[in-house]
Amino acid sequence: MKKIKKHVLFVGLFDKDTKSQKIGSLAARDVLQNILLSSGLDGATLSDAVGIYKHDSGEFVIEPSIRIEILFSTDSQIRKICDQIKIALNQESIAVESQITDSRLY
């Protein structure tokens, strides 16, 4: 068993300017897959999710989201991926959870 860093990216699908979904969920997943495939990662897992976020104004928003789990990557790879996602999907930010975990391939 090997200790590695796991990153989980939480990508909301509402456009940052219009606060509504401009790119459909399936099309957004295709965009994310293309970014991930071209990033040099060894792999990732994408899951549909529902995000609940609080804006600076105090207003809550519930939006379709995609959760991306990534093992065997570096912080710099994750930062580059987040920068590309923010541009491609017009996002203000991407929430990233990082943790050290035990991992192995069988």
N, C-alpha and C. Protein backbone atom coordinates (compact mmCIF):
# COMPACT_ATOMS: atom_id res chain seq x y z
N MET A 1 0.84 -1.17 0.00
CA MET A 1 0.00 0.00 0.00
C MET A 1 0.89 1.24 0.00
N LYS A 2 0.47 2.22 -0.75
CA LYS A 2 1.28 3.43 -0.91
C LYS A 2 0.45 4.65 -0.53
N LYS A 3 1.06 5.55 0.22
CA LYS A 3 0.40 6.82 0.56
C LYS A 3 0.56 7.78 -0.62
N ILE A 4 -0.57 8.28 -1.10
CA ILE A 4 -0.53 9.24 -2.21
C ILE A 4 -1.54 10.36 -1.93
N LYS A 5 -1.45 11.41 -2.72
CA LYS A 5 -2.41 12.51 -2.60
C LYS A 5 -3.55 12.27 -3.57
N LYS A 6 -4.75 12.41 -3.05
CA LYS A 6 -5.97 12.32 -3.86
C LYS A 6 -6.56 13.72 -3.95
N HIS A 7 -6.96 14.11 -5.14
CA HIS A 7 -7.61 15.39 -5.35
C HIS A 7 -9.05 15.15 -5.81
N VAL A 8 -9.96 15.90 -5.26
CA VAL A 8 -11.35 15.87 -5.70
C VAL A 8 -11.72 17.30 -6.11
N LEU A 9 -12.14 17.44 -7.36
CA LEU A 9 -12.55 18.74 -7.89
C LEU A 9 -14.06 18.78 -7.96
N PHE A 10 -14.64 19.88 -7.50
CA PHE A 10 -16.08 20.08 -7.54
C PHE A 10 -16.35 21.22 -8.52
N VAL A 11 -16.95 20.87 -9.66
CA VAL A 11 -17.15 21.82 -10.75
C VAL A 11 -18.63 22.11 -10.91
N GLY A 12 -19.05 23.31 -10.53
CA GLY A 12 -20.44 23.73 -10.76
C GLY A 12 -20.62 24.05 -12.23
N LEU A 13 -21.83 23.89 -12.72
CA LEU A 13 -22.08 24.09 -14.15
C LEU A 13 -22.84 25.37 -14.47
N PHE A 14 -23.07 26.22 -13.48
CA PHE A 14 -23.68 27.52 -13.77
C PHE A 14 -22.59 28.48 -14.23
N ASP A 15 -22.87 29.21 -15.27
CA ASP A 15 -21.97 30.24 -15.79
C ASP A 15 -21.80 31.33 -14.74
N LYS A 16 -20.56 31.78 -14.55
CA LYS A 16 -20.30 32.76 -13.48
C LYS A 16 -20.96 34.11 -13.73
N ASP A 17 -21.20 34.45 -15.00
CA ASP A 17 -21.77 35.76 -15.31
C ASP A 17 -23.30 35.76 -15.28
N THR A 18 -23.90 34.70 -15.82
CA THR A 18 -25.36 34.67 -15.91
C THR A 18 -26.01 33.91 -14.75
N LYS A 19 -25.20 33.18 -13.96
CA LYS A 19 -25.71 32.38 -12.84
C LYS A 19 -26.76 31.36 -13.30
N SER A 20 -26.60 30.89 -14.54
CA SER A 20 -27.48 29.85 -15.08
C SER A 20 -26.63 28.91 -15.92
N GLN A 21 -27.18 27.75 -16.24
CA GLN A 21 -26.42 26.75 -16.99
C GLN A 21 -26.48 27.06 -18.47
N LYS A 22 -25.34 27.40 -19.05
CA LYS A 22 -25.23 27.72 -20.47
C LYS A 22 -24.76 26.54 -21.30
N ILE A 23 -24.01 25.62 -20.69
CA ILE A 23 -23.52 24.42 -21.36
C ILE A 23 -24.19 23.23 -20.68
N GLY A 24 -24.86 22.40 -21.46
CA GLY A 24 -25.56 21.24 -20.91
C GLY A 24 -24.61 20.30 -20.18
N SER A 25 -25.17 19.49 -19.31
CA SER A 25 -24.36 18.60 -18.48
C SER A 25 -23.54 17.62 -19.30
N LEU A 26 -24.12 17.03 -20.34
CA LEU A 26 -23.39 16.08 -21.18
C LEU A 26 -22.27 16.78 -21.95
N ALA A 27 -22.56 17.95 -22.48
CA ALA A 27 -21.53 18.71 -23.20
C ALA A 27 -20.42 19.14 -22.24
N ALA A 28 -20.78 19.53 -21.03
CA ALA A 28 -19.78 19.92 -20.03
C ALA A 28 -18.89 18.73 -19.68
N ARG A 29 -19.49 17.55 -19.55
CA ARG A 29 -18.70 16.36 -19.26
C ARG A 29 -17.71 16.09 -20.39
N ASP A 30 -18.14 16.27 -21.64
CA ASP A 30 -17.23 16.10 -22.78
C ASP A 30 -16.06 17.08 -22.70
N VAL A 31 -16.37 18.33 -22.36
CA VAL A 31 -15.32 19.35 -22.22
C VAL A 31 -14.33 18.93 -21.14
N LEU A 32 -14.85 18.49 -19.99
CA LEU A 32 -13.98 18.07 -18.89
C LEU A 32 -13.14 16.85 -19.26
N GLN A 33 -13.75 15.88 -19.93
CA GLN A 33 -13.01 14.70 -20.36
C GLN A 33 -11.86 15.08 -21.28
N ASN A 34 -12.11 15.99 -22.21
CA ASN A 34 -11.06 16.42 -23.13
C ASN A 34 -9.92 17.12 -22.39
N ILE A 35 -10.26 17.95 -21.42
CA ILE A 35 -9.23 18.62 -20.62
C ILE A 35 -8.41 17.58 -19.86
N LEU A 36 -9.09 16.63 -19.23
CA LEU A 36 -8.40 15.61 -18.45
C LEU A 36 -7.53 14.71 -19.33
N LEU A 37 -8.05 14.31 -20.49
CA LEU A 37 -7.29 13.44 -21.39
C LEU A 37 -6.04 14.12 -21.92
N SER A 38 -6.08 15.42 -22.09
CA SER A 38 -4.91 16.13 -22.63
C SER A 38 -3.96 16.63 -21.55
N SER A 39 -4.28 16.35 -20.28
CA SER A 39 -3.51 16.90 -19.17
C SER A 39 -2.30 16.07 -18.76
N GLY A 40 -2.20 14.85 -19.26
CA GLY A 40 -1.09 13.99 -18.86
C GLY A 40 -1.36 13.17 -17.61
N LEU A 41 -2.59 13.19 -17.11
CA LEU A 41 -2.94 12.39 -15.94
C LEU A 41 -2.97 10.91 -16.31
N ASP A 42 -2.85 10.06 -15.29
CA ASP A 42 -3.00 8.63 -15.49
C ASP A 42 -4.47 8.21 -15.50
N GLY A 43 -5.36 9.05 -15.01
CA GLY A 43 -6.78 8.73 -15.00
C GLY A 43 -7.55 9.61 -14.06
N ALA A 44 -8.87 9.51 -14.15
CA ALA A 44 -9.77 10.28 -13.29
C ALA A 44 -11.14 9.62 -13.33
N THR A 45 -11.97 9.95 -12.35
CA THR A 45 -13.35 9.47 -12.31
C THR A 45 -14.26 10.68 -12.22
N LEU A 46 -15.25 10.74 -13.12
CA LEU A 46 -16.22 11.83 -13.12
C LEU A 46 -17.56 11.30 -12.67
N SER A 47 -18.24 12.06 -11.82
CA SER A 47 -19.57 11.70 -11.32
C SER A 47 -20.47 12.92 -11.36
N ASP A 48 -21.73 12.70 -11.70
CA ASP A 48 -22.70 13.78 -11.65
C ASP A 48 -23.01 14.08 -10.19
N ALA A 49 -23.24 15.34 -9.90
CA ALA A 49 -23.51 15.75 -8.53
C ALA A 49 -24.44 16.97 -8.54
N VAL A 50 -24.93 17.32 -7.38
CA VAL A 50 -25.69 18.55 -7.19
C VAL A 50 -24.94 19.36 -6.15
N GLY A 51 -24.59 20.58 -6.52
CA GLY A 51 -23.86 21.44 -5.61
C GLY A 51 -24.77 22.45 -4.95
N ILE A 52 -24.50 22.74 -3.69
CA ILE A 52 -25.21 23.80 -2.97
C ILE A 52 -24.14 24.77 -2.50
N TYR A 53 -24.23 26.00 -2.97
CA TYR A 53 -23.19 26.99 -2.69
C TYR A 53 -23.82 28.27 -2.17
N LYS A 54 -23.07 28.95 -1.32
CA LYS A 54 -23.50 30.24 -0.79
C LYS A 54 -22.68 31.33 -1.47
N HIS A 55 -23.37 32.25 -2.14
CA HIS A 55 -22.70 33.39 -2.78
C HIS A 55 -22.28 34.41 -1.72
N ASP A 56 -21.41 35.32 -2.10
CA ASP A 56 -20.98 36.38 -1.19
C ASP A 56 -22.16 37.19 -0.67
N SER A 57 -23.22 37.27 -1.49
CA SER A 57 -24.42 38.03 -1.10
C SER A 57 -25.23 37.33 -0.01
N GLY A 58 -24.88 36.06 0.28
CA GLY A 58 -25.62 35.28 1.27
C GLY A 58 -26.68 34.39 0.63
N GLU A 59 -26.92 34.59 -0.66
CA GLU A 59 -27.91 33.79 -1.39
C GLU A 59 -27.35 32.39 -1.67
N PHE A 60 -28.19 31.38 -1.47
CA PHE A 60 -27.80 30.01 -1.78
C PHE A 60 -28.23 29.68 -3.21
N VAL A 61 -27.43 28.87 -3.87
CA VAL A 61 -27.77 28.39 -5.20
C VAL A 61 -27.58 26.87 -5.21
N ILE A 62 -28.47 26.21 -5.88
CA ILE A 62 -28.37 24.77 -6.09
C ILE A 62 -28.15 24.57 -7.58
N GLU A 63 -27.04 23.90 -7.91
CA GLU A 63 -26.71 23.78 -9.33
C GLU A 63 -26.17 22.39 -9.68
N PRO A 64 -26.42 21.98 -10.93
CA PRO A 64 -25.82 20.74 -11.39
C PRO A 64 -24.30 20.89 -11.36
N SER A 65 -23.63 19.84 -10.97
CA SER A 65 -22.18 19.88 -10.81
C SER A 65 -21.59 18.56 -11.27
N ILE A 66 -20.28 18.55 -11.44
CA ILE A 66 -19.55 17.33 -11.74
C ILE A 66 -18.41 17.22 -10.75
N ARG A 67 -18.29 16.04 -10.16
CA ARG A 67 -17.23 15.74 -9.19
C ARG A 67 -16.17 14.94 -9.93
N ILE A 68 -14.92 15.38 -9.81
CA ILE A 68 -13.81 14.71 -10.48
C ILE A 68 -12.83 14.22 -9.42
N GLU A 69 -12.59 12.92 -9.37
CA GLU A 69 -11.63 12.35 -8.42
C GLU A 69 -10.38 11.95 -9.19
N ILE A 70 -9.22 12.37 -8.68
CA ILE A 70 -7.95 12.16 -9.37
C ILE A 70 -6.92 11.62 -8.39
N LEU A 71 -6.32 10.50 -8.75
CA LEU A 71 -5.20 9.92 -8.01
C LEU A 71 -3.94 10.07 -8.85
N PHE A 72 -2.79 9.93 -8.23
CA PHE A 72 -1.51 9.89 -8.95
C PHE A 72 -1.26 11.17 -9.76
N SER A 73 -1.46 12.32 -9.15
CA SER A 73 -1.23 13.59 -9.84
C SER A 73 -0.47 14.54 -8.91
N THR A 74 0.00 15.62 -9.48
CA THR A 74 0.71 16.63 -8.71
C THR A 74 -0.17 17.86 -8.50
N ASP A 75 0.17 18.66 -7.51
CA ASP A 75 -0.56 19.90 -7.27
C ASP A 75 -0.51 20.81 -8.50
N SER A 76 0.63 20.84 -9.18
CA SER A 76 0.74 21.72 -10.36
C SER A 76 -0.15 21.23 -11.50
N GLN A 77 -0.29 19.92 -11.66
CA GLN A 77 -1.21 19.39 -12.68
C GLN A 77 -2.65 19.80 -12.35
N ILE A 78 -3.00 19.69 -11.08
CA ILE A 78 -4.36 20.03 -10.66
C ILE A 78 -4.63 21.51 -10.88
N ARG A 79 -3.67 22.35 -10.56
CA ARG A 79 -3.84 23.80 -10.75
C ARG A 79 -4.05 24.14 -12.23
N LYS A 80 -3.27 23.50 -13.09
CA LYS A 80 -3.39 23.74 -14.54
C LYS A 80 -4.76 23.27 -15.05
N ILE A 81 -5.20 22.11 -14.58
CA ILE A 81 -6.51 21.60 -14.97
C ILE A 81 -7.61 22.56 -14.53
N CYS A 82 -7.53 23.04 -13.29
CA CYS A 82 -8.53 23.99 -12.78
C CYS A 82 -8.55 25.27 -13.61
N ASP A 83 -7.39 25.78 -13.97
CA ASP A 83 -7.33 26.99 -14.80
C ASP A 83 -8.01 26.76 -16.15
N GLN A 84 -7.80 25.59 -16.74
CA GLN A 84 -8.41 25.28 -18.04
C GLN A 84 -9.93 25.12 -17.89
N ILE A 85 -10.37 24.48 -16.83
CA ILE A 85 -11.81 24.30 -16.61
C ILE A 85 -12.49 25.65 -16.40
N LYS A 86 -11.87 26.53 -15.62
CA LYS A 86 -12.45 27.85 -15.36
C LYS A 86 -12.68 28.61 -16.65
N ILE A 87 -11.75 28.53 -17.58
CA ILE A 87 -11.90 29.21 -18.86
C ILE A 87 -12.97 28.53 -19.71
N ALA A 88 -12.87 27.20 -19.84
CA ALA A 88 -13.76 26.45 -20.73
C ALA A 88 -15.22 26.54 -20.32
N LEU A 89 -15.49 26.54 -19.01
CA LEU A 89 -16.87 26.55 -18.53
C LEU A 89 -17.27 27.88 -17.89
N ASN A 90 -16.43 28.90 -18.03
CA ASN A 90 -16.66 30.24 -17.48
C ASN A 90 -17.02 30.17 -15.99
N GLN A 91 -16.10 29.61 -15.21
CA GLN A 91 -16.29 29.44 -13.78
C GLN A 91 -15.44 30.45 -13.01
N GLU A 92 -15.96 30.91 -11.90
CA GLU A 92 -15.20 31.81 -11.03
C GLU A 92 -14.12 31.04 -10.27
N SER A 93 -14.47 29.83 -9.83
CA SER A 93 -13.53 29.02 -9.07
C SER A 93 -13.93 27.55 -9.16
N ILE A 94 -12.99 26.70 -8.81
CA ILE A 94 -13.21 25.26 -8.71
C ILE A 94 -12.83 24.88 -7.28
N ALA A 95 -13.75 24.23 -6.56
CA ALA A 95 -13.42 23.75 -5.22
C ALA A 95 -12.57 22.50 -5.35
N VAL A 96 -11.46 22.46 -4.60
CA VAL A 96 -10.55 21.32 -4.65
C VAL A 96 -10.32 20.80 -3.23
N GLU A 97 -10.56 19.53 -3.05
CA GLU A 97 -10.25 18.85 -1.79
C GLU A 97 -9.04 17.97 -2.05
N SER A 98 -8.04 18.07 -1.19
CA SER A 98 -6.84 17.24 -1.31
C SER A 98 -6.62 16.51 0.01
N GLN A 99 -6.27 15.24 -0.09
CA GLN A 99 -6.01 14.45 1.10
C GLN A 99 -5.01 13.35 0.81
N ILE A 100 -4.29 12.96 1.82
CA ILE A 100 -3.37 11.84 1.70
C ILE A 100 -4.16 10.56 1.98
N THR A 101 -4.03 9.59 1.11
CA THR A 101 -4.79 8.36 1.24
C THR A 101 -3.93 7.15 0.92
N ASP A 102 -4.36 6.01 1.37
CA ASP A 102 -3.72 4.76 0.99
C ASP A 102 -4.32 4.31 -0.33
N SER A 103 -3.48 3.92 -1.27
CA SER A 103 -4.00 3.52 -2.56
C SER A 103 -3.15 2.40 -3.14
N ARG A 104 -3.81 1.53 -3.87
CA ARG A 104 -3.09 0.46 -4.58
C ARG A 104 -3.93 0.01 -5.75
N LEU A 105 -3.29 -0.59 -6.69
CA LEU A 105 -3.98 -1.18 -7.83
C LEU A 105 -3.91 -2.70 -7.70
N TYR A 106 -4.98 -3.36 -7.94
CA TYR A 106 -4.98 -4.82 -7.87
C TYR A 106 -5.06 -5.40 -9.25
